[in-house]
Amino acid sequence: MTLFRKTLIKLTIINSLLLILLLSLMSGAVYYYVQKITYRDSTHLLENDARRPQRFGPDSMLMKRPDTSFGPPQSYIIIAIPDQKKFFVNWPQFVKSNKPVNNISKINFLMSMPAGKAELKKIHGKTYNVLMEKGSNYYIFYIRSVDREQMILHRLFTIIIYGLLSGAIVSIIAGYFLARRALRPIEAAWDRQNRFVADASHELRTPLSIIQLKIEGLLRQPRRKIQETGEDIAVMLDETRRLSKLVGNLLTLARSDANRLEVSLVSLDLSSIMKKVTEPFAEMAEFEEKSFELAVPADPIYINGDEQRIHQLLVILLDNAMKFTPKTGKIIVSCARENKYARLMISDSGCGISDQDLPHIFDRFYQADSARTGQRGTGLGLSIAEWIVKKHRGKIEVESAPGKGTTFIVQLPLRKNEPEDRKEDHGGEKTDDTER
């Protein structure tokens, strides 16, 4: 059983128990409240009976007997006279006698009750609500049957039990669903981490193997001159640089995944940064016989950003454009305002990206077929670029087709007080700015 499977079972059990406990507490609270309200109504009826004026005498039945046409009576009255050691009942069958009872010991357990306070008592095996009022030489017991109340409570208890059983089943299903949902992002992060480690190990192994192979070759021929080993040393240097770049990118992504890498947002002039970053690339393009065109407005375009990360973003995109643009090809870099965003575009006239590769270019370690592109990389640059754009609350898109080049479009939010209605630069000429 896998670790996630065990965790899923444990979370399901915990969630189910918590839900069942919650249902039990709610059901118990409902039952207690209904029970309290039900018996309180019975007590009110007894108190009303007690407030009703009664007339009795030692030699008379105290009141008329209850009407039995609708079944057994719901209320009774007992008057006890301790001095005469007898008591009277307005429903003689209540004590299984049609005459006054001369053995007052039969109701001694009632005479110990506190006066004016209703209590539940067992009489002849049945439960009654009893209220006692005390006179000068007698006691009056107002008694009311609670059969109906107990029937209601019994039905409620039955409903609660069935409800708890049904709720337990639902709780298990809901517990599993909640546990599965809680584990889904963790499982995805775990899979992503395992894939990241596997891909990183694969990428690291290649340059390390090449360096090891070249070093072993040099050790097998220790008397070779430096001029004869220059090619091997150049290969090792190239792989070492590639390895250093790969490790740096891996460290950046690892820190970003752990939320240990934050950006410091300050006011930046995007136009100025683009001019500074593109300058060495323009010289490199000229050296490689490629056309490089920069189109940015003369007036500043202010954004809230981290200068180091924006610089890194531009370098990644420009490096890709330079890498995949052939000789006599063209690279166009432009920037303009678009509503509430600064729209940055980097286009090249390279080999383009196939429809099959296009959805995966921002995936880590994903690389297009090197045989078609003629270039080899680490597959991490665009992943880092996407992370930088997201950290700046922006969007990055790509438009490409095989043989027609590639265009990366980045949208970064303008600074809040950046004017949105300035006229754009067209044809390289500066226009007057209008502000609201």
Protein backbone atom coordinates (compact mmCIF):
# COMPACT_ATOMS: atom_id res chain seq x y z
CA MET A 1 0.00 0.00 0.00
CA THR A 2 1.44 3.35 -1.05
CA LEU A 3 2.04 6.26 1.29
CA PHE A 4 -0.76 8.30 -0.27
CA ARG A 5 -3.16 5.36 -0.02
CA LYS A 6 -2.47 5.00 3.71
CA THR A 7 -2.80 8.74 4.22
CA LEU A 8 -6.06 8.77 2.27
CA ILE A 9 -7.51 6.03 4.52
CA LYS A 10 -6.40 7.82 7.69
CA LEU A 11 -7.83 11.15 6.55
CA THR A 12 -11.07 9.46 5.51
CA ILE A 13 -11.43 7.88 8.96
CA ILE A 14 -10.62 11.16 10.73
CA ASN A 15 -12.98 13.20 8.56
CA SER A 16 -15.75 10.61 8.94
CA LEU A 17 -15.39 10.48 12.72
CA LEU A 18 -15.45 14.27 12.94
CA LEU A 19 -18.58 14.46 10.79
CA ILE A 20 -20.30 11.68 12.76
CA LEU A 21 -19.36 13.39 16.03
CA LEU A 22 -20.77 16.66 14.72
CA LEU A 23 -24.00 14.96 13.67
CA SER A 24 -24.25 13.22 17.06
CA LEU A 25 -23.79 16.47 18.96
CA MET A 26 -26.39 18.23 16.82
CA SER A 27 -28.84 15.33 17.17
CA GLY A 28 -28.31 15.21 20.93
CA ALA A 29 -28.87 18.95 21.19
CA VAL A 30 -32.10 18.68 19.16
CA TYR A 31 -33.36 15.75 21.28
CA TYR A 32 -32.52 17.56 24.54
CA TYR A 33 -34.24 20.74 23.37
CA VAL A 34 -37.40 18.92 22.21
CA GLN A 35 -37.49 16.90 25.44
CA LYS A 36 -37.17 20.04 27.52
CA ILE A 37 -39.86 21.89 25.57
CA THR A 38 -42.20 18.89 25.63
CA TYR A 39 -42.02 18.32 29.40
CA ARG A 40 -42.18 22.06 30.00
CA ASP A 41 -45.56 22.19 28.24
CA SER A 42 -46.77 19.34 30.45
CA THR A 43 -45.60 21.24 33.51
CA HIS A 44 -47.50 24.36 32.37
CA LEU A 45 -50.68 22.31 32.16
CA LEU A 46 -50.13 21.05 35.72
CA GLU A 47 -49.57 24.60 36.94
CA ASN A 48 -52.82 25.65 35.27
CA ASP A 49 -54.62 22.83 37.07
CA ALA A 50 -53.10 23.98 40.36
CA ARG A 51 -54.26 27.57 39.80
CA ARG A 52 -57.83 26.42 39.12
CA PRO A 53 -59.90 26.80 42.37
CA GLN A 54 -60.71 23.44 43.92
CA ARG A 55 -63.46 22.60 46.45
CA PHE A 56 -63.19 19.56 48.63
CA GLY A 57 -63.99 18.27 52.04
CA PRO A 58 -62.95 15.25 54.11
CA ASP A 59 -66.26 13.50 53.56
CA SER A 60 -66.72 14.21 49.85
CA MET A 61 -65.07 13.14 46.63
CA LEU A 62 -63.10 16.15 45.74
CA MET A 63 -64.22 16.67 42.15
CA LYS A 64 -66.00 15.02 39.36
CA ARG A 65 -64.29 12.15 37.69
CA PRO A 66 -62.54 12.73 34.36
CA ASP A 67 -64.44 12.13 31.15
CA THR A 68 -63.47 8.67 29.83
CA SER A 69 -65.39 8.81 26.56
CA PHE A 70 -62.16 9.61 24.72
CA GLY A 71 -60.08 7.01 26.50
CA PRO A 72 -58.10 7.01 29.75
CA PRO A 73 -57.83 10.41 31.39
CA GLN A 74 -54.67 12.48 30.94
CA SER A 75 -54.78 14.15 34.36
CA TYR A 76 -55.57 13.09 37.93
CA ILE A 77 -55.72 14.65 41.36
CA ILE A 78 -54.84 13.01 44.64
CA ILE A 79 -55.64 14.64 47.97
CA ALA A 80 -53.83 13.15 50.94
CA ILE A 81 -54.83 13.84 54.58
CA PRO A 82 -51.99 12.56 56.74
CA ASP A 83 -53.92 13.09 60.01
CA GLN A 84 -56.68 10.73 58.83
CA LYS A 85 -54.14 8.44 57.15
CA LYS A 86 -56.14 8.32 53.94
CA PHE A 87 -56.21 9.85 50.48
CA PHE A 88 -58.76 10.44 47.74
CA VAL A 89 -58.35 10.10 43.98
CA ASN A 90 -60.69 11.57 41.37
CA TRP A 91 -60.01 8.47 39.26
CA PRO A 92 -60.16 5.48 41.64
CA GLN A 93 -58.77 3.00 39.17
CA PHE A 94 -55.60 4.99 39.40
CA VAL A 95 -54.94 3.28 42.72
CA LYS A 96 -57.07 0.23 41.88
CA SER A 97 -59.81 1.18 44.36
CA ASN A 98 -63.23 2.78 44.16
CA LYS A 99 -63.09 4.08 47.72
CA PRO A 100 -60.86 6.40 49.67
CA VAL A 101 -57.65 4.60 50.53
CA ASN A 102 -56.87 4.43 54.20
CA ASN A 103 -53.27 3.31 53.79
CA ILE A 104 -51.40 6.52 53.11
CA SER A 105 -48.09 4.65 52.94
CA LYS A 106 -48.88 3.88 49.30
CA ILE A 107 -48.15 7.48 48.37
CA ASN A 108 -45.35 8.20 50.83
CA PHE A 109 -42.93 8.41 47.93
CA LEU A 110 -45.02 11.33 46.59
CA MET A 111 -45.17 13.17 49.88
CA SER A 112 -41.41 13.54 49.95
CA MET A 113 -41.58 15.79 46.86
CA PRO A 114 -40.79 19.51 47.15
CA ALA A 115 -43.91 21.67 46.98
CA GLY A 116 -44.55 23.70 43.86
CA LYS A 117 -42.02 21.85 41.67
CA ALA A 118 -43.08 19.33 39.03
CA GLU A 119 -41.19 16.05 38.83
CA LEU A 120 -41.45 12.87 36.79
CA LYS A 121 -42.55 9.91 38.94
CA LYS A 122 -43.23 6.22 38.31
CA ILE A 123 -46.74 5.18 39.46
CA HIS A 124 -47.98 1.64 38.81
CA GLY A 125 -45.14 1.17 36.29
CA LYS A 126 -46.00 4.23 34.22
CA THR A 127 -44.34 7.65 34.15
CA TYR A 128 -46.32 10.74 35.22
CA ASN A 129 -45.54 14.39 35.71
CA VAL A 130 -46.46 15.29 39.31
CA LEU A 131 -46.86 18.67 40.99
CA MET A 132 -47.56 18.92 44.74
CA GLU A 133 -49.28 21.74 46.60
CA LYS A 134 -49.28 21.69 50.41
CA GLY A 135 -52.19 22.90 52.57
CA SER A 136 -52.56 23.26 56.32
CA ASN A 137 -53.40 19.59 56.99
CA TYR A 138 -53.48 18.08 53.52
CA TYR A 139 -51.50 17.60 50.31
CA ILE A 140 -52.80 17.96 46.75
CA PHE A 141 -50.99 16.10 43.98
CA TYR A 142 -51.70 17.19 40.40
CA ILE A 143 -50.75 14.34 38.12
CA ARG A 144 -50.59 14.33 34.32
CA SER A 145 -49.83 11.42 32.03
CA VAL A 146 -46.77 11.90 29.76
CA ASP A 147 -47.60 9.03 27.40
CA ARG A 148 -48.01 11.36 24.45
CA GLU A 149 -44.79 13.20 25.23
CA GLN A 150 -42.89 9.94 25.56
CA MET A 151 -44.36 8.69 22.29
CA ILE A 152 -43.18 11.86 20.53
CA LEU A 153 -39.74 11.57 22.07
CA HIS A 154 -39.54 7.89 21.17
CA ARG A 155 -40.35 8.65 17.56
CA LEU A 156 -37.82 11.47 17.55
CA PHE A 157 -35.19 9.15 19.03
CA THR A 158 -35.94 6.55 16.34
CA ILE A 159 -35.63 9.19 13.62
CA ILE A 160 -32.34 10.40 15.10
CA ILE A 161 -30.92 6.85 15.22
CA TYR A 162 -31.82 6.19 11.59
CA GLY A 163 -30.56 9.64 10.71
CA LEU A 164 -27.24 8.95 12.41
CA LEU A 165 -26.87 5.65 10.56
CA SER A 166 -27.60 7.35 7.25
CA GLY A 167 -25.38 10.25 8.27
CA ALA A 168 -22.55 7.85 9.08
CA ILE A 169 -22.69 6.43 5.56
CA VAL A 170 -22.81 9.90 4.06
CA SER A 171 -19.98 10.98 6.39
CA ILE A 172 -17.76 8.17 5.16
CA ILE A 173 -18.42 9.13 1.54
CA ALA A 174 -17.95 12.83 2.31
CA GLY A 175 -14.84 12.05 4.37
CA TYR A 176 -13.32 10.17 1.46
CA PHE A 177 -14.20 12.99 -0.93
CA LEU A 178 -12.70 15.64 1.38
CA ALA A 179 -9.58 13.57 1.99
CA ARG A 180 -9.15 12.93 -1.73
CA ARG A 181 -9.59 16.61 -2.49
CA ALA A 182 -7.12 17.64 0.24
CA LEU A 183 -4.50 15.17 -1.00
CA ARG A 184 -4.87 16.03 -4.68
CA PRO A 185 -2.60 19.14 -4.64
CA ILE A 186 -0.13 17.37 -2.35
CA GLU A 187 -0.03 14.35 -4.63
CA ALA A 188 0.38 16.61 -7.66
CA ALA A 189 3.24 18.45 -5.93
CA TRP A 190 4.83 15.12 -4.98
CA ASP A 191 4.60 13.84 -8.56
CA ARG A 192 5.96 17.14 -9.86
CA GLN A 193 8.85 16.96 -7.42
CA ASN A 194 9.66 13.37 -8.37
CA ARG A 195 9.51 14.27 -12.05
CA PHE A 196 11.63 17.33 -11.37
CA VAL A 197 14.30 15.27 -9.58
CA ALA A 198 14.27 12.61 -12.31
CA ASP A 199 14.53 15.17 -15.10
CA ALA A 200 17.20 17.13 -13.27
CA SER A 201 19.22 13.96 -12.68
CA HIS A 202 18.98 13.11 -16.36
CA GLU A 203 20.04 16.59 -17.44
CA LEU A 204 22.92 16.69 -14.96
CA ARG A 205 24.15 13.25 -15.92
CA THR A 206 24.83 14.18 -19.56
CA PRO A 207 27.35 17.02 -19.02
CA LEU A 208 28.93 15.17 -16.09
CA SER A 209 29.40 12.08 -18.23
CA ILE A 210 31.01 14.12 -20.99
CA ILE A 211 33.36 15.87 -18.56
CA GLN A 212 34.27 12.56 -16.92
CA LEU A 213 34.93 10.95 -20.31
CA LYS A 214 37.20 13.79 -21.43
CA ILE A 215 39.13 13.81 -18.13
CA GLU A 216 39.67 10.04 -18.30
CA GLY A 217 40.93 10.47 -21.86
CA LEU A 218 43.42 13.10 -20.72
CA LEU A 219 44.61 10.89 -17.86
CA ARG A 220 45.22 7.98 -20.20
CA GLN A 221 47.60 10.18 -22.24
CA PRO A 222 49.40 12.31 -19.66
CA ARG A 223 52.27 13.22 -22.01
CA ARG A 224 50.09 14.96 -24.60
CA LYS A 225 50.79 18.64 -25.11
CA ILE A 226 48.27 21.32 -24.28
CA GLN A 227 47.88 22.15 -27.97
CA GLU A 228 46.77 18.58 -28.62
CA THR A 229 44.20 18.58 -25.81
CA GLY A 230 42.72 22.00 -26.53
CA GLU A 231 39.62 20.58 -28.17
CA ASP A 232 38.89 18.32 -25.19
CA ILE A 233 39.40 21.20 -22.77
CA ALA A 234 37.06 23.39 -24.81
CA VAL A 235 34.39 20.71 -24.70
CA MET A 236 34.78 20.37 -20.92
CA LEU A 237 34.59 24.16 -20.51
CA ASP A 238 31.46 24.30 -22.62
CA GLU A 239 29.82 21.51 -20.63
CA THR A 240 30.90 23.11 -17.36
CA ARG A 241 29.24 26.38 -18.37
CA ARG A 242 26.12 24.50 -19.39
CA LEU A 243 26.19 22.62 -16.09
CA SER A 244 26.56 25.84 -14.11
CA LYS A 245 23.63 27.42 -15.96
CA LEU A 246 21.51 24.32 -15.40
CA VAL A 247 22.27 24.26 -11.66
CA GLY A 248 21.40 27.96 -11.39
CA ASN A 249 18.07 27.41 -13.15
CA LEU A 250 17.31 24.37 -10.99
CA LEU A 251 18.02 26.39 -7.86
CA THR A 252 15.71 29.16 -9.06
CA LEU A 253 12.84 26.75 -9.76
CA ALA A 254 13.37 24.84 -6.51
CA ARG A 255 13.23 28.05 -4.49
CA SER A 256 10.17 29.25 -6.39
CA ASP A 257 8.36 25.95 -5.67
CA ALA A 258 9.16 26.34 -1.97
CA ASN A 259 7.96 29.98 -2.01
CA ARG A 260 11.40 31.02 -0.83
CA LEU A 261 12.05 33.20 -3.85
CA GLU A 262 10.12 36.43 -3.88
CA VAL A 263 10.18 39.48 -6.11
CA SER A 264 10.67 43.00 -4.87
CA LEU A 265 8.24 45.24 -6.75
CA VAL A 266 9.37 48.82 -7.30
CA SER A 267 8.62 51.43 -9.93
CA LEU A 268 10.54 50.62 -13.13
CA ASP A 269 10.79 52.23 -16.55
CA LEU A 270 10.34 49.25 -18.87
CA SER A 271 11.49 51.21 -21.93
CA SER A 272 14.80 52.06 -20.29
CA ILE A 273 15.39 48.46 -19.15
CA MET A 274 14.66 47.12 -22.63
CA LYS A 275 17.11 49.52 -24.26
CA LYS A 276 19.82 48.49 -21.81
CA VAL A 277 19.17 44.73 -22.08
CA THR A 278 18.86 44.64 -25.88
CA GLU A 279 22.06 46.58 -26.56
CA PRO A 280 24.47 43.59 -26.33
CA PHE A 281 22.00 41.39 -28.24
CA ALA A 282 21.87 43.95 -31.05
CA GLU A 283 25.67 43.84 -31.31
CA MET A 284 25.62 40.03 -31.23
CA ALA A 285 22.98 39.96 -33.98
CA GLU A 286 25.08 42.23 -36.14
CA PHE A 287 28.10 39.98 -35.62
CA GLU A 288 26.03 36.92 -36.58
CA GLU A 289 24.59 38.68 -39.65
CA LYS A 290 21.08 38.90 -38.24
CA SER A 291 18.73 41.86 -38.35
CA PHE A 292 17.76 43.31 -34.97
CA GLU A 293 15.01 45.92 -34.58
CA LEU A 294 13.94 47.64 -31.37
CA ALA A 295 10.69 49.63 -31.27
CA VAL A 296 9.91 51.27 -27.93
CA PRO A 297 8.22 54.61 -27.24
CA ALA A 298 10.43 57.52 -26.32
CA ASP A 299 8.38 58.30 -23.21
CA PRO A 300 8.73 56.04 -20.14
CA ILE A 301 6.47 53.05 -19.52
CA TYR A 302 6.28 52.54 -15.78
CA ILE A 303 5.49 49.18 -14.19
CA ASN A 304 5.81 47.75 -10.70
CA GLY A 305 8.47 45.09 -11.03
CA ASP A 306 11.69 43.50 -9.84
CA GLU A 307 14.46 44.87 -12.06
CA GLN A 308 16.63 41.76 -11.72
CA ARG A 309 13.76 39.41 -12.66
CA ILE A 310 12.56 41.61 -15.55
CA HIS A 311 16.15 41.64 -16.81
CA GLN A 312 16.25 37.83 -16.52
CA LEU A 313 12.93 37.54 -18.38
CA LEU A 314 14.16 39.65 -21.28
CA VAL A 315 17.45 37.76 -21.47
CA ILE A 316 15.63 34.39 -21.63
CA LEU A 317 13.32 35.51 -24.42
CA LEU A 318 16.03 37.33 -26.37
CA ASP A 319 18.42 34.39 -26.00
CA ASN A 320 15.76 32.07 -27.44
CA ALA A 321 15.12 34.45 -30.33
CA MET A 322 18.85 34.69 -31.10
CA LYS A 323 19.33 30.95 -30.79
CA PHE A 324 16.58 29.97 -33.23
CA THR A 325 17.02 32.76 -35.78
CA PRO A 326 19.23 31.79 -38.71
CA LYS A 327 21.67 34.06 -40.55
CA THR A 328 19.99 36.93 -42.43
CA GLY A 329 16.97 36.33 -40.16
CA LYS A 330 15.17 39.09 -38.32
CA ILE A 331 14.44 39.76 -34.63
CA ILE A 332 11.93 42.42 -33.64
CA VAL A 333 11.52 43.66 -30.08
CA SER A 334 8.71 46.10 -29.29
CA CYS A 335 6.90 47.54 -26.31
CA ALA A 336 3.74 49.62 -26.06
CA ARG A 337 0.87 50.45 -23.75
CA GLU A 338 -2.34 48.47 -24.14
CA ASN A 339 -5.18 49.44 -21.79
CA LYS A 340 -3.84 48.77 -18.28
CA TYR A 341 -0.87 46.70 -19.46
CA ALA A 342 2.55 47.15 -20.94
CA ARG A 343 2.64 44.85 -23.98
CA LEU A 344 6.07 43.41 -24.75
CA MET A 345 6.64 41.45 -27.98
CA ILE A 346 9.74 39.55 -29.10
CA SER A 347 9.50 38.06 -32.60
CA ASP A 348 11.95 36.04 -34.61
CA SER A 349 11.99 34.56 -38.10
CA GLY A 350 13.32 31.20 -37.00
CA CYS A 351 12.10 27.66 -37.60
CA GLY A 352 8.99 28.14 -35.48
CA ILE A 353 7.31 25.69 -33.12
CA SER A 354 5.15 22.78 -34.22
CA ASP A 355 1.54 22.45 -33.09
CA GLN A 356 2.57 19.33 -31.17
CA ASP A 357 5.26 21.16 -29.17
CA LEU A 358 3.44 24.47 -28.67
CA PRO A 359 1.27 23.46 -25.64
CA HIS A 360 4.34 22.16 -23.76
CA ILE A 361 6.97 24.86 -24.26
CA PHE A 362 6.52 26.18 -20.72
CA ASP A 363 6.86 22.71 -19.19
CA ARG A 364 10.05 22.05 -17.31
CA PHE A 365 12.77 20.19 -19.21
CA TYR A 366 10.59 20.06 -22.30
CA GLN A 367 12.58 20.55 -25.47
CA ALA A 368 11.54 20.44 -29.09
CA ASP A 369 13.23 18.00 -31.40
CA SER A 370 16.87 19.15 -31.56
CA ALA A 371 17.30 17.49 -34.93
CA ARG A 372 14.73 19.91 -36.37
CA THR A 373 15.79 23.01 -34.47
CA GLY A 374 19.53 22.35 -34.49
CA GLN A 375 19.75 23.70 -30.93
CA ARG A 376 20.12 22.08 -27.55
CA GLY A 377 19.12 23.63 -24.25
CA THR A 378 18.06 22.73 -20.73
CA GLY A 379 14.34 23.23 -21.19
CA LEU A 380 14.12 25.43 -18.09
CA GLY A 381 14.37 28.97 -19.45
CA LEU A 382 10.74 29.39 -20.49
CA SER A 383 9.54 27.81 -17.23
CA ILE A 384 11.45 30.49 -15.34
CA ALA A 385 10.10 33.17 -17.69
CA GLU A 386 6.55 32.05 -17.02
CA TRP A 387 7.18 32.11 -13.26
CA ILE A 388 8.58 35.67 -13.45
CA VAL A 389 5.56 36.90 -15.42
CA LYS A 390 3.12 35.28 -12.98
CA LYS A 391 4.93 36.84 -10.03
CA HIS A 392 4.38 40.22 -11.68
CA ARG A 393 0.64 39.41 -12.12
CA GLY A 394 1.05 39.38 -15.88
CA LYS A 395 0.41 37.00 -18.78
CA ILE A 396 2.72 35.38 -21.32
CA GLU A 397 1.58 33.89 -24.63
CA VAL A 398 3.26 32.50 -27.71
CA GLU A 399 2.26 32.54 -31.36
CA SER A 400 4.19 30.32 -33.72
CA ALA A 401 3.98 28.12 -36.79
CA PRO A 402 6.63 25.89 -38.40
CA GLY A 403 8.75 27.89 -40.84
CA LYS A 404 7.08 31.21 -39.91
CA GLY A 405 8.95 32.16 -36.78
CA THR A 406 7.83 32.68 -33.18
CA THR A 407 6.41 35.62 -31.25
CA PHE A 408 6.35 35.82 -27.46
CA ILE A 409 3.81 38.28 -26.04
CA VAL A 410 4.15 39.44 -22.44
CA GLN A 411 1.63 41.65 -20.68
CA LEU A 412 2.69 43.33 -17.44
CA PRO A 413 0.38 45.60 -15.39
CA LEU A 414 1.16 49.30 -15.62
CA ARG A 415 1.83 51.23 -12.46
CA LYS A 416 -1.45 52.50 -11.01
CA ASN A 417 -0.68 56.15 -11.65
CA GLU A 418 0.71 55.41 -15.12
CA PRO A 419 -1.38 57.31 -17.71
CA GLU A 420 -3.39 54.89 -19.86
CA ASP A 421 -4.46 57.31 -22.57
CA ARG A 422 -1.10 58.49 -23.85
CA LYS A 423 -0.78 58.37 -27.57
CA GLU A 424 1.39 55.57 -28.83
CA ASP A 425 4.63 56.03 -30.66
CA HIS A 426 4.14 55.31 -34.36
CA GLY A 427 6.88 55.28 -36.93
CA GLY A 428 9.56 56.04 -34.34
CA GLU A 429 8.41 59.65 -33.92
CA LYS A 430 7.51 61.00 -30.52
CA THR A 431 4.01 62.41 -30.10
CA ASP A 432 2.70 64.73 -27.45
CA ASP A 433 1.43 63.04 -24.30
CA THR A 434 -2.03 63.88 -23.06
CA GLU A 435 -3.02 63.18 -19.50
CA ARG A 436 -6.38 63.28 -17.81
